[in-house]
Protein backbone atom coordinates (compact mmCIF):
# COMPACT_ATOMS: atom_id res chain seq x y z
CA MET A 1 120.07 116.18 118.24
CA GLN A 2 122.80 113.97 117.19
CA SER A 3 125.55 115.26 116.22
CA GLY A 4 127.08 114.53 112.58
CA ALA A 5 130.87 114.93 113.69
CA ASP A 6 130.22 112.03 116.25
CA GLU A 7 132.04 109.43 114.81
CA ASP A 8 131.86 107.11 117.87
CA LYS A 9 128.23 106.77 118.25
CA THR A 10 126.84 103.53 119.10
CA TYR A 11 124.83 102.38 116.58
CA ARG A 12 121.35 100.77 117.47
CA SER A 13 121.74 96.85 116.81
CA LEU A 14 120.36 96.12 113.64
CA THR A 15 120.13 92.80 111.93
CA ALA A 16 119.99 91.84 108.04
CA ASP A 17 116.00 90.91 108.54
CA ASP A 18 115.39 94.47 109.62
CA VAL A 19 116.70 95.79 106.81
CA GLY A 20 115.34 93.34 104.05
CA GLU A 21 111.96 93.54 105.90
CA ALA A 22 111.81 97.58 105.16
CA ALA A 23 113.16 97.16 101.88
CA GLN A 24 110.46 94.26 100.55
CA THR A 25 107.61 96.09 102.32
CA ILE A 26 108.69 98.72 99.69
CA ARG A 27 109.02 95.89 97.13
CA ASP A 28 105.53 94.71 97.90
CA ALA A 29 103.89 98.22 97.09
CA ASP A 30 105.89 99.23 93.89
CA PRO A 31 107.42 95.77 92.40
CA THR A 32 109.21 97.94 89.94
CA TRP A 33 112.05 98.15 92.56
CA ALA A 34 114.50 95.12 91.84
CA PRO A 35 116.94 93.82 94.64
CA GLY A 36 120.09 96.01 95.15
CA ARG A 37 123.25 95.29 92.69
CA THR A 38 126.51 96.76 93.29
CA ILE A 39 126.94 100.05 90.84
CA ALA A 40 130.18 101.27 89.99
CA LEU A 41 130.40 105.03 90.82
CA GLY A 42 133.86 106.05 89.28
CA GLU A 43 137.16 106.56 90.54
CA GLY A 44 137.27 102.96 92.25
CA LEU A 45 133.94 103.78 94.19
CA ALA A 46 131.26 101.15 94.12
CA TRP A 47 128.14 100.51 96.11
CA GLN A 48 125.34 98.00 96.71
CA PRO A 49 122.10 99.75 98.02
CA GLU A 50 119.06 98.13 99.20
CA LEU A 51 117.05 98.49 96.47
CA VAL A 52 117.69 99.99 92.74
CA HIS A 53 115.38 101.39 89.62
CA ASP A 54 116.51 101.26 86.04
CA ASP A 55 113.57 103.47 84.64
CA PRO A 56 113.98 106.22 85.92
CA LYS A 57 117.32 105.93 87.27
CA ALA A 58 117.02 105.75 91.32
CA VAL A 59 118.69 103.75 94.12
CA LEU A 60 116.94 103.33 97.59
CA HIS A 61 118.84 103.05 101.02
CA VAL A 62 117.18 102.06 104.32
CA HIS A 63 118.82 103.75 107.25
CA LEU A 64 117.43 102.55 110.65
CA ALA A 65 120.48 103.28 112.43
CA ASP A 66 121.40 106.23 114.82
CA ARG A 67 123.49 108.11 112.26
CA LEU A 68 123.72 107.92 108.58
CA ARG A 69 127.08 106.73 108.10
CA PRO A 70 129.67 108.86 106.34
CA HIS A 71 130.86 106.43 103.57
CA VAL A 72 126.95 106.08 102.82
CA VAL A 73 126.50 109.51 102.18
CA GLU A 74 129.46 109.94 100.06
CA ARG A 75 128.09 107.01 98.00
CA MET A 76 124.98 108.85 97.46
CA ARG A 77 126.42 112.19 96.79
CA ALA A 78 128.40 109.82 93.81
CA ALA A 79 125.13 108.14 92.68
CA SER A 80 123.26 111.83 92.61
CA GLY A 81 125.85 112.68 90.52
CA ARG A 82 125.59 110.14 88.08
CA GLY A 83 122.39 110.99 87.61
CA TYR A 84 120.30 108.55 90.05
CA ARG A 85 117.49 109.68 92.27
CA ILE A 86 118.22 109.20 95.87
CA HIS A 87 115.38 107.53 97.91
CA LEU A 88 115.34 106.87 101.66
CA ALA A 89 113.86 104.98 103.86
CA LEU A 90 113.62 105.79 107.48
CA ASP A 91 112.02 105.57 111.15
CA LEU A 92 110.15 108.44 111.64
CA SER A 93 111.97 109.61 114.50
CA ALA A 94 114.97 110.14 112.27
CA LEU A 95 113.36 113.17 110.84
CA TYR A 96 113.67 114.91 114.11
CA ASP A 97 117.44 114.70 113.66
CA GLU A 98 118.38 118.01 112.43
CA ASP A 99 122.01 117.09 111.64
CA LEU A 100 120.64 114.28 109.24
CA LEU A 101 118.07 116.41 107.74
CA ARG A 102 121.06 119.47 107.14
CA GLU A 103 123.30 116.20 105.35
CA ILE A 104 120.69 115.00 103.13
CA SER A 105 118.98 118.17 102.40
CA THR A 106 120.84 118.65 99.35
CA LEU A 107 120.61 115.50 97.52
CA ASP A 108 116.94 116.04 97.50
CA PRO A 109 116.14 112.58 98.59
CA ILE A 110 112.74 110.75 98.51
CA ILE A 111 111.81 109.94 101.60
CA HIS A 112 109.79 106.45 102.63
CA VAL A 113 108.83 106.63 106.37
CA VAL A 114 109.17 102.86 107.84
CA GLY A 115 106.39 101.21 109.57
CA ASN A 116 103.98 104.28 108.33
CA GLY A 117 103.04 103.15 105.59
CA PRO A 118 105.88 103.78 103.16
CA GLU A 119 103.63 102.87 100.11
CA LYS A 120 101.94 105.91 100.88
CA GLN A 121 104.61 108.11 102.21
CA GLN A 122 106.65 108.62 99.55
CA ALA A 123 107.78 112.39 98.98
CA SER A 124 110.68 114.83 98.99
CA LEU A 125 112.20 115.65 102.24
CA LEU A 126 110.49 119.12 102.91
CA ALA A 127 107.17 117.76 101.46
CA THR A 128 107.72 114.65 104.27
CA LEU A 129 108.39 117.41 107.22
CA ALA A 130 105.11 119.36 106.17
CA ASP A 131 103.30 115.97 105.71
CA GLN A 132 104.49 114.96 109.16
CA GLY A 133 103.75 118.32 111.26
CA ILE A 134 107.75 118.15 112.15
CA ARG A 135 109.46 121.77 113.35
CA VAL A 136 112.61 122.43 113.25
CA THR A 137 114.59 125.12 114.53
CA ASP A 138 115.07 128.11 112.67
CA ALA A 139 118.60 127.99 111.37
CA THR A 140 117.32 124.59 110.24
CA ARG A 141 114.72 125.60 108.83
CA VAL A 142 116.36 128.64 106.85
CA GLU A 143 119.01 126.28 105.40
CA LEU A 144 116.56 123.79 104.40
CA ALA A 145 114.67 126.29 102.91
CA ARG A 146 117.83 127.99 101.08
CA VAL A 147 118.59 124.72 99.83
CA GLY A 148 114.70 124.16 98.59
CA TRP A 149 114.51 127.56 96.86
CA GLN A 150 117.37 127.19 94.91
CA SER A 151 116.10 123.83 93.39
CA CYS A 152 112.78 125.48 92.35
CA GLN A 153 115.24 127.87 90.32
CA SER A 154 117.31 124.72 89.44
CA THR A 155 116.63 122.92 85.90
CA GLY A 156 113.84 120.32 85.29
CA THR A 157 110.55 119.08 83.60
CA SER A 158 107.27 121.10 84.49
CA ASN A 159 106.37 118.89 86.51
CA GLU A 160 109.29 118.47 88.68
CA LYS A 161 109.50 121.98 89.47
CA GLY A 162 106.18 122.28 90.35
CA HIS A 163 106.70 119.61 92.93
CA ARG A 164 109.69 121.50 94.29
CA LEU A 165 107.71 124.80 94.65
CA GLU A 166 104.76 123.08 95.96
CA ALA A 167 107.10 120.93 99.02
CA LEU A 168 109.14 124.45 99.41
CA VAL A 169 105.77 126.16 100.10
CA ALA A 170 104.28 123.39 102.20
CA PHE A 171 107.40 123.27 104.66
CA LEU A 172 107.23 127.08 105.15
CA LEU A 173 103.60 126.67 105.72
CA SER A 174 104.46 124.04 108.28
CA GLN A 175 106.97 125.68 110.19
CA ILE A 176 104.38 128.83 111.24
CA GLU A 177 102.59 128.53 114.66
CA ASP A 178 99.50 126.84 114.76
CA PHE A 179 99.44 126.09 111.13
CA ARG A 180 98.92 122.53 109.89
CA VAL A 181 99.54 120.92 106.53
CA VAL A 182 96.25 119.45 106.25
CA GLU A 183 96.54 118.45 102.09
CA ARG A 184 98.80 118.31 99.77
CA ASN A 185 97.82 117.91 96.28
CA LEU A 186 93.95 117.30 96.74
CA ARG A 187 92.27 116.33 93.64
CA THR A 188 88.46 116.83 94.51
CA GLU A 189 85.67 116.10 91.85
CA THR A 190 85.94 119.66 90.42
CA GLU A 191 89.26 121.38 91.31
CA GLU A 192 92.82 120.68 92.04
CA LEU A 193 94.22 122.31 95.23
CA ASP A 194 97.91 122.58 95.66
CA VAL A 195 98.16 122.89 99.77
CA VAL A 196 95.43 123.38 102.39
CA VAL A 197 96.48 124.68 105.84
CA GLN A 198 94.22 124.18 109.27
CA GLN A 199 94.81 126.59 111.80
CA GLY A 200 95.07 125.68 115.24
CA ARG A 201 93.23 129.08 116.32
CA THR A 202 91.03 131.37 114.59
CA GLU A 203 90.60 134.02 116.71
CA GLY A 204 93.57 136.26 117.65
CA GLY A 205 95.97 138.74 117.03
CA ARG A 206 97.85 137.86 113.61
CA CYS A 207 96.20 138.81 110.28
CA TRP A 208 95.19 135.26 109.20
CA MET A 209 93.29 134.41 112.17
CA LEU A 210 89.84 135.69 110.80
CA GLY A 211 87.38 133.34 112.50
CA VAL A 212 87.16 130.73 109.69
CA PRO A 213 89.90 127.22 109.93
CA PHE A 214 91.25 127.09 106.42
CA ILE A 215 93.81 128.97 104.34
CA LEU A 216 93.89 127.88 100.64
CA VAL A 217 97.42 127.86 99.04
CA GLU A 218 98.86 127.57 95.02
CA SER A 219 102.01 127.59 93.56
CA LYS A 220 102.93 128.20 90.44
CA ASN A 221 106.72 127.39 89.54
CA TRP A 222 106.05 128.87 85.98
CA ALA A 223 108.76 130.49 83.31
CA SER A 224 106.08 133.17 83.20
CA LYS A 225 104.34 135.22 85.29
CA VAL A 226 101.16 134.22 86.68
CA THR A 227 98.25 136.32 85.23
CA GLN A 228 94.51 137.91 86.42
CA LYS A 229 93.21 134.47 84.86
CA GLU A 230 94.88 132.30 87.32
CA LEU A 231 93.80 134.85 90.23
CA SER A 232 90.11 134.32 89.44
CA THR A 233 90.05 131.05 88.93
CA PHE A 234 91.74 130.92 92.80
CA ARG A 235 89.23 133.08 93.94
CA VAL A 236 86.28 131.02 92.65
CA LYS A 237 88.13 128.07 94.63
CA MET A 238 87.80 130.11 97.80
CA GLN A 239 84.17 131.05 97.05
CA GLY A 240 83.21 127.66 96.90
CA LYS A 241 84.54 126.30 100.30
CA ARG A 242 81.24 126.51 102.19
CA GLY A 243 82.51 129.64 103.90
CA THR A 244 85.54 128.33 105.63
CA VAL A 245 88.02 130.03 103.57
CA ARG A 246 88.67 133.72 103.93
CA LEU A 247 92.70 133.66 103.29
CA GLY A 248 94.40 132.71 99.78
CA LEU A 249 98.00 132.70 99.27
CA LEU A 250 99.01 132.57 95.68
CA PHE A 251 102.92 131.69 95.03
CA ALA A 252 104.46 133.03 91.87
CA ALA A 253 108.03 131.78 91.53
CA ASN A 254 108.73 134.09 88.57
CA GLY A 255 106.33 136.96 89.65
CA HIS A 256 102.60 138.13 89.47
CA THR A 257 101.63 140.37 86.00
CA GLY A 258 100.43 143.67 86.30
CA ASP A 259 96.85 142.76 85.66
CA ALA A 260 96.41 140.20 88.20
CA TYR A 261 97.57 143.03 90.87
CA ASP A 262 94.76 145.20 89.11
CA GLN A 263 92.36 141.97 89.34
CA GLU A 264 93.32 141.65 93.31
CA LEU A 265 92.33 145.20 93.84
CA ARG A 266 89.41 144.89 92.15
CA PHE A 267 88.24 142.34 94.83
CA ALA A 268 89.31 144.67 98.15
CA SER A 269 85.76 145.11 98.47
CA ASP A 270 85.37 141.23 98.73
CA ASP A 271 85.66 139.24 102.51
CA LEU A 272 88.42 137.09 100.44
CA THR A 273 91.91 138.39 100.78
CA ILE A 274 94.65 136.50 98.27
CA SER A 275 97.97 137.51 98.90
CA LEU A 276 100.19 137.49 95.96
CA ILE A 277 103.90 136.10 96.87
CA GLY A 278 106.48 135.99 94.54
CA PRO A 279 110.00 135.45 94.25
CA ASP A 280 111.77 138.43 96.40
CA GLU A 281 108.76 137.63 99.26
CA ILE A 282 109.78 134.07 98.79
CA THR A 283 113.57 134.80 99.27
CA ALA A 284 112.58 137.21 102.33
CA TRP A 285 110.48 134.35 103.42
CA VAL A 286 112.88 131.87 103.28
CA GLU A 287 116.14 134.01 105.20
CA ALA A 288 113.20 135.08 107.79
CA LEU A 289 114.45 134.30 111.05
CA ASP A 290 111.23 135.38 112.47
CA ASP A 291 108.73 133.69 110.08
CA ASP A 292 105.66 134.32 111.53
CA GLU A 293 106.05 137.86 112.17
CA PHE A 294 107.02 138.22 108.05
CA LEU A 295 104.15 136.15 107.15
CA ASP A 296 101.67 138.14 109.46
CA SER A 297 103.36 141.37 107.93
CA LEU A 298 103.32 140.08 104.28
CA ILE A 299 99.37 139.30 104.55
CA ARG A 300 98.53 142.46 106.32
CA ARG A 301 100.61 144.70 103.56
CA SER A 302 97.89 142.59 101.24
CA MET A 303 94.96 143.36 103.38
CA LEU A 304 95.85 146.98 103.54
CA ARG A 305 96.98 147.97 99.89
């Protein structure tokens, strides 16, 4: 693991061509990016990122060194404070540096994975970790999830708030042993699915091992509570998966209504289980040191309710 406090770390030998090529690849995929220009950040601070975007305001830094330099972090924070969305292009290997992950998490950056189809791989930090199947230590998981959950409760458009919760949920699930997030924002001919999890094992002692490969997940970061209507719609989605799904997780940042819980009980004789996960459960999951055991107990309570 890299140490953010190690000021003597030797940087990988880079050239302007390396950085320029990465930036150009991103521009080729999205020509609305413009070459970097100097941006005044106040108090005598200025920065020239590799790429800039005016509408919406965004800056992109290409990070290919062994460590993110402190002066770059300072400028990214200043740019974020002035309303710029931070984008960070980096090698896939950099996402295994937990010091880096913790350092950039509060910036909520959009990650571009260099050399891995950056035109396709553009997502928030938590979503990128889930997509790439990168598991972190328990301490780092808790720290990153705390930041993500706090972001879910911050102001933003409905779309922004929805994506934040979806990213947090995908990240939490990707850290469970034998789980792999295989789809996010899946749009089929008939429906939309927020997250699809595939289990590495379908038989065993955990409550989610029900002899089928997939778990369906939906997340609602609404100001209101999720009602029985959404629960019923979710159940129909589960029923339409050719017998490959028996467990669904319905996350609601502001909880579920009483009629949603009543509806779930009416389905108790069915072979499908929908676990209703509200803000208290999300908070507890974020803080759980043993996330596998926490999820198992959560699903067990849903099954035996």
